[in-house]
């Protein structure tokens, strides 16, 4: 099964067409750290993170992990843990998962830059939105749509961003 992000505001899976938002600067086949674009390509879904204090255990066949207060994602290209989950230790080199807003109540990591090539982009997720404002490079959906998506996907699902 393939999720298809067809344009800057449409995500398609099976017969479902969801409104979404992507990076402020659109889709880019040459993604770079901090360019506010969403990477173009075909990627695997990796892991679903969720806030157990805010949402129920998701019914999904994706590997899951509960978000804790000290959990984040390294977006510092010079750090050895670049583009992977970390324990938060410095606000300058991480994307914090435990946020006051609700955009990371659910988030799905994807396989963009799995080789962790410095400056090729990090922290590209599918996460929540309240208002469809452009992201820094992620794909965002309303909570109800995200929960439908979770019921349809599994570890073999891929996402095509074009």
C-alpha atoms as a PDB file:
ATOM      1  CA  UNK A   1       0.000   0.000   0.000  1.00  0.00           C
ATOM      2  CA  UNK A   2       1.216   3.484  -0.830  1.00  0.00           C
ATOM      3  CA  UNK A   3       0.196   6.801   0.685  1.00  0.00           C
ATOM      4  CA  UNK A   4       0.475   9.491  -1.971  1.00  0.00           C
ATOM      5  CA  UNK A   5       1.027  13.154  -1.204  1.00  0.00           C
ATOM      6  CA  UNK A   6      -0.118  14.390  -4.582  1.00  0.00           C
ATOM      7  CA  UNK A   7       0.286  18.112  -4.095  1.00  0.00           C
ATOM      8  CA  UNK A   8       0.680  20.673  -1.332  1.00  0.00           C
ATOM      9  CA  UNK A   9      -2.735  19.952   0.156  1.00  0.00           C
ATOM     10  CA  UNK A  10      -3.852  16.404  -0.734  1.00  0.00           C
ATOM     11  CA  UNK A  11      -2.884  13.084   0.804  1.00  0.00           C
ATOM     12  CA  UNK A  12      -4.429   9.959  -0.754  1.00  0.00           C
ATOM     13  CA  UNK A  13      -4.590   6.447   0.667  1.00  0.00           C
ATOM     14  CA  UNK A  14      -6.931   3.876  -0.850  1.00  0.00           C
ATOM     15  CA  UNK A  15     -10.233   5.651  -1.497  1.00  0.00           C
ATOM     16  CA  UNK A  16      -9.556   8.345   1.101  1.00  0.00           C
ATOM     17  CA  UNK A  17      -8.534  11.863   0.052  1.00  0.00           C
ATOM     18  CA  UNK A  18      -7.410  13.959   3.014  1.00  0.00           C
ATOM     19  CA  UNK A  19      -6.565  17.629   3.173  1.00  0.00           C
ATOM     20  CA  UNK A  20      -2.992  18.057   4.405  1.00  0.00           C
ATOM     21  CA  UNK A  21      -0.259  20.635   4.526  1.00  0.00           C
ATOM     22  CA  UNK A  22       3.426  20.336   3.672  1.00  0.00           C
ATOM     23  CA  UNK A  23       6.558  22.453   3.917  1.00  0.00           C
ATOM     24  CA  UNK A  24       6.270  26.205   3.432  1.00  0.00           C
ATOM     25  CA  UNK A  25       8.517  25.994   0.338  1.00  0.00           C
ATOM     26  CA  UNK A  26       6.742  23.034  -1.281  1.00  0.00           C
ATOM     27  CA  UNK A  27       8.288  19.740  -2.384  1.00  0.00           C
ATOM     28  CA  UNK A  28      11.998  19.510  -3.169  1.00  0.00           C
ATOM     29  CA  UNK A  29      13.999  16.631  -4.649  1.00  0.00           C
ATOM     30  CA  UNK A  30      17.167  18.138  -3.146  1.00  0.00           C
ATOM     31  CA  UNK A  31      16.058  18.578   0.486  1.00  0.00           C
ATOM     32  CA  UNK A  32      18.470  20.478   2.752  1.00  0.00           C
ATOM     33  CA  UNK A  33      18.347  21.091   6.492  1.00  0.00           C
ATOM     34  CA  UNK A  34      16.274  24.160   7.322  1.00  0.00           C
ATOM     35  CA  UNK A  35      14.992  24.842   3.784  1.00  0.00           C
ATOM     36  CA  UNK A  36      11.302  24.546   4.806  1.00  0.00           C
ATOM     37  CA  UNK A  37      10.626  22.068   2.010  1.00  0.00           C
ATOM     38  CA  UNK A  38       9.165  18.573   2.078  1.00  0.00           C
ATOM     39  CA  UNK A  39      11.422  15.927   0.522  1.00  0.00           C
ATOM     40  CA  UNK A  40      10.291  14.404  -2.771  1.00  0.00           C
ATOM     41  CA  UNK A  41      10.534  10.624  -3.029  1.00  0.00           C
ATOM     42  CA  UNK A  42       9.273   7.239  -1.880  1.00  0.00           C
ATOM     43  CA  UNK A  43       9.796   6.521   1.824  1.00  0.00           C
ATOM     44  CA  UNK A  44       8.982   3.816   4.355  1.00  0.00           C
ATOM     45  CA  UNK A  45       6.883   4.488   7.422  1.00  0.00           C
ATOM     46  CA  UNK A  46       9.084   3.853  10.447  1.00  0.00           C
ATOM     47  CA  UNK A  47       7.566   4.363  13.892  1.00  0.00           C
ATOM     48  CA  UNK A  48       4.457   5.886  15.404  1.00  0.00           C
ATOM     49  CA  UNK A  49       5.035   8.046  18.487  1.00  0.00           C
ATOM     50  CA  UNK A  50       2.087   9.156  20.602  1.00  0.00           C
ATOM     51  CA  UNK A  51       1.210  11.062  23.787  1.00  0.00           C
ATOM     52  CA  UNK A  52      -0.515   8.521  26.038  1.00  0.00           C
ATOM     53  CA  UNK A  53      -1.643  11.344  28.331  1.00  0.00           C
ATOM     54  CA  UNK A  54      -3.605  12.930  25.456  1.00  0.00           C
ATOM     55  CA  UNK A  55      -4.649  10.192  23.013  1.00  0.00           C
ATOM     56  CA  UNK A  56      -5.680   6.561  23.274  1.00  0.00           C
ATOM     57  CA  UNK A  57      -3.391   3.715  22.278  1.00  0.00           C
ATOM     58  CA  UNK A  58      -3.729   3.853  18.494  1.00  0.00           C
ATOM     59  CA  UNK A  59      -5.165   0.877  16.646  1.00  0.00           C
ATOM     60  CA  UNK A  60      -2.433   0.449  14.076  1.00  0.00           C
ATOM     61  CA  UNK A  61      -0.072  -2.186  12.738  1.00  0.00           C
ATOM     62  CA  UNK A  62       2.837   0.276  12.869  1.00  0.00           C
ATOM     63  CA  UNK A  63       5.533  -0.068  15.550  1.00  0.00           C
ATOM     64  CA  UNK A  64       4.587   2.303  18.387  1.00  0.00           C
ATOM     65  CA  UNK A  65       6.367   4.205  21.124  1.00  0.00           C
ATOM     66  CA  UNK A  66       4.979   6.382  23.900  1.00  0.00           C
ATOM     67  CA  UNK A  67       6.330   9.940  23.977  1.00  0.00           C
ATOM     68  CA  UNK A  68       7.975  10.859  27.271  1.00  0.00           C
ATOM     69  CA  UNK A  69       8.927  14.297  28.612  1.00  0.00           C
ATOM     70  CA  UNK A  70      12.591  13.998  27.662  1.00  0.00           C
ATOM     71  CA  UNK A  71      12.153  12.596  24.154  1.00  0.00           C
ATOM     72  CA  UNK A  72      13.118  14.367  20.975  1.00  0.00           C
ATOM     73  CA  UNK A  73      14.706  14.098  17.544  1.00  0.00           C
ATOM     74  CA  UNK A  74      18.187  15.391  16.714  1.00  0.00           C
ATOM     75  CA  UNK A  75      18.241  17.966  13.916  1.00  0.00           C
ATOM     76  CA  UNK A  76      21.853  19.081  14.399  1.00  0.00           C
ATOM     77  CA  UNK A  77      23.829  17.988  11.278  1.00  0.00           C
ATOM     78  CA  UNK A  78      27.086  18.077  13.284  1.00  0.00           C
ATOM     79  CA  UNK A  79      25.820  15.745  16.014  1.00  0.00           C
ATOM     80  CA  UNK A  80      26.491  11.984  15.986  1.00  0.00           C
ATOM     81  CA  UNK A  81      22.772  11.316  16.618  1.00  0.00           C
ATOM     82  CA  UNK A  82      21.649  13.449  13.645  1.00  0.00           C
ATOM     83  CA  UNK A  83      18.221  12.453  12.338  1.00  0.00           C
ATOM     84  CA  UNK A  84      17.372   9.978  15.078  1.00  0.00           C
ATOM     85  CA  UNK A  85      15.484   9.819  18.357  1.00  0.00           C
ATOM     86  CA  UNK A  86      17.347  11.270  21.319  1.00  0.00           C
ATOM     87  CA  UNK A  87      16.879  12.068  24.954  1.00  0.00           C
ATOM     88  CA  UNK A  88      16.511  15.855  25.052  1.00  0.00           C
ATOM     89  CA  UNK A  89      19.646  17.485  26.367  1.00  0.00           C
ATOM     90  CA  UNK A  90      20.034  20.784  24.522  1.00  0.00           C
ATOM     91  CA  UNK A  91      17.336  22.935  22.937  1.00  0.00           C
ATOM     92  CA  UNK A  92      19.713  23.855  20.101  1.00  0.00           C
ATOM     93  CA  UNK A  93      19.998  20.429  18.520  1.00  0.00           C
ATOM     94  CA  UNK A  94      16.635  18.773  18.804  1.00  0.00           C
ATOM     95  CA  UNK A  95      12.987  18.765  17.929  1.00  0.00           C
ATOM     96  CA  UNK A  96      11.143  18.186  21.215  1.00  0.00           C
ATOM     97  CA  UNK A  97       8.350  15.568  21.033  1.00  0.00           C
ATOM     98  CA  UNK A  98       6.729  16.559  24.350  1.00  0.00           C
ATOM     99  CA  UNK A  99       5.118  19.833  23.321  1.00  0.00           C
ATOM    100  CA  UNK A 100       2.489  22.089  24.866  1.00  0.00           C
ATOM    101  CA  UNK A 101       0.604  22.290  21.589  1.00  0.00           C
ATOM    102  CA  UNK A 102      -0.954  19.157  20.143  1.00  0.00           C
ATOM    103  CA  UNK A 103       0.866  18.725  16.819  1.00  0.00           C
ATOM    104  CA  UNK A 104       2.934  15.814  18.149  1.00  0.00           C
ATOM    105  CA  UNK A 105       0.178  14.023  20.021  1.00  0.00           C
ATOM    106  CA  UNK A 106       0.660  11.583  17.131  1.00  0.00           C
ATOM    107  CA  UNK A 107       3.626  11.551  14.793  1.00  0.00           C
ATOM    108  CA  UNK A 108       4.900   9.044  12.270  1.00  0.00           C
ATOM    109  CA  UNK A 109       8.564   9.021  11.328  1.00  0.00           C
ATOM    110  CA  UNK A 110       9.503   8.266   7.743  1.00  0.00           C
ATOM    111  CA  UNK A 111      12.713   6.981   6.194  1.00  0.00           C
ATOM    112  CA  UNK A 112      13.921  10.276   4.685  1.00  0.00           C
ATOM    113  CA  UNK A 113      17.730  10.546   5.079  1.00  0.00           C
ATOM    114  CA  UNK A 114      18.112   7.201   6.843  1.00  0.00           C
ATOM    115  CA  UNK A 115      21.828   7.323   6.058  1.00  0.00           C
ATOM    116  CA  UNK A 116      22.017  10.477   8.187  1.00  0.00           C
ATOM    117  CA  UNK A 117      23.921  12.500   5.630  1.00  0.00           C
ATOM    118  CA  UNK A 118      24.658  15.850   7.323  1.00  0.00           C
ATOM    119  CA  UNK A 119      22.524  18.754   6.065  1.00  0.00           C
ATOM    120  CA  UNK A 120      20.259  16.499   3.908  1.00  0.00           C
ATOM    121  CA  UNK A 121      17.304  17.125   6.200  1.00  0.00           C
ATOM    122  CA  UNK A 122      16.016  15.608   9.400  1.00  0.00           C
ATOM    123  CA  UNK A 123      12.876  15.308  11.506  1.00  0.00           C
ATOM    124  CA  UNK A 124      10.525  14.723   8.572  1.00  0.00           C
ATOM    125  CA  UNK A 125       7.303  13.417  10.088  1.00  0.00           C
ATOM    126  CA  UNK A 126       3.622  13.002   9.453  1.00  0.00           C
ATOM    127  CA  UNK A 127       2.003  14.834  12.363  1.00  0.00           C
ATOM    128  CA  UNK A 128      -1.103  16.769  13.382  1.00  0.00           C
ATOM    129  CA  UNK A 129      -2.333  20.228  12.452  1.00  0.00           C
ATOM    130  CA  UNK A 130      -5.178  22.428  13.622  1.00  0.00           C
ATOM    131  CA  UNK A 131      -5.045  24.980  10.845  1.00  0.00           C
ATOM    132  CA  UNK A 132      -3.225  23.601   7.752  1.00  0.00           C
ATOM    133  CA  UNK A 133      -0.516  26.253   7.991  1.00  0.00           C
ATOM    134  CA  UNK A 134       2.605  25.201   6.060  1.00  0.00           C
ATOM    135  CA  UNK A 135       5.161  23.198   8.044  1.00  0.00           C
ATOM    136  CA  UNK A 136       8.956  23.308   8.245  1.00  0.00           C
ATOM    137  CA  UNK A 137       9.015  20.237   5.950  1.00  0.00           C
ATOM    138  CA  UNK A 138       6.668  17.689   7.482  1.00  0.00           C
ATOM    139  CA  UNK A 139       3.255  16.535   6.306  1.00  0.00           C
ATOM    140  CA  UNK A 140       0.390  17.387   8.651  1.00  0.00           C
ATOM    141  CA  UNK A 141      -3.203  16.176   8.937  1.00  0.00           C
ATOM    142  CA  UNK A 142      -6.198  16.859  11.151  1.00  0.00           C
ATOM    143  CA  UNK A 143      -6.441  14.410  14.070  1.00  0.00           C
ATOM    144  CA  UNK A 144      -9.524  12.580  12.769  1.00  0.00           C
ATOM    145  CA  UNK A 145      -7.850  12.015   9.388  1.00  0.00           C
ATOM    146  CA  UNK A 146      -4.605  10.897  11.022  1.00  0.00           C
ATOM    147  CA  UNK A 147      -6.541   8.326  13.069  1.00  0.00           C
ATOM    148  CA  UNK A 148      -8.184   6.952   9.908  1.00  0.00           C
ATOM    149  CA  UNK A 149      -4.775   6.759   8.238  1.00  0.00           C
ATOM    150  CA  UNK A 150      -3.417   4.793  11.214  1.00  0.00           C
ATOM    151  CA  UNK A 151      -6.064   2.115  10.741  1.00  0.00           C
ATOM    152  CA  UNK A 152      -5.108   1.676   7.076  1.00  0.00           C
ATOM    153  CA  UNK A 153      -1.310   1.481   7.243  1.00  0.00           C
ATOM    154  CA  UNK A 154       1.205  -1.146   8.339  1.00  0.00           C
ATOM    155  CA  UNK A 155       5.000  -1.566   8.372  1.00  0.00           C
ATOM    156  CA  UNK A 156       5.007  -2.329   4.624  1.00  0.00           C
ATOM    157  CA  UNK A 157       3.186   0.901   3.724  1.00  0.00           C
ATOM    158  CA  UNK A 158       5.228   3.517   1.894  1.00  0.00           C
ATOM    159  CA  UNK A 159       4.636   7.189   1.322  1.00  0.00           C
ATOM    160  CA  UNK A 160       5.239   8.818  -2.075  1.00  0.00           C
ATOM    161  CA  UNK A 161       5.739  12.567  -1.993  1.00  0.00           C
ATOM    162  CA  UNK A 162       5.632  14.154  -5.438  1.00  0.00           C
END
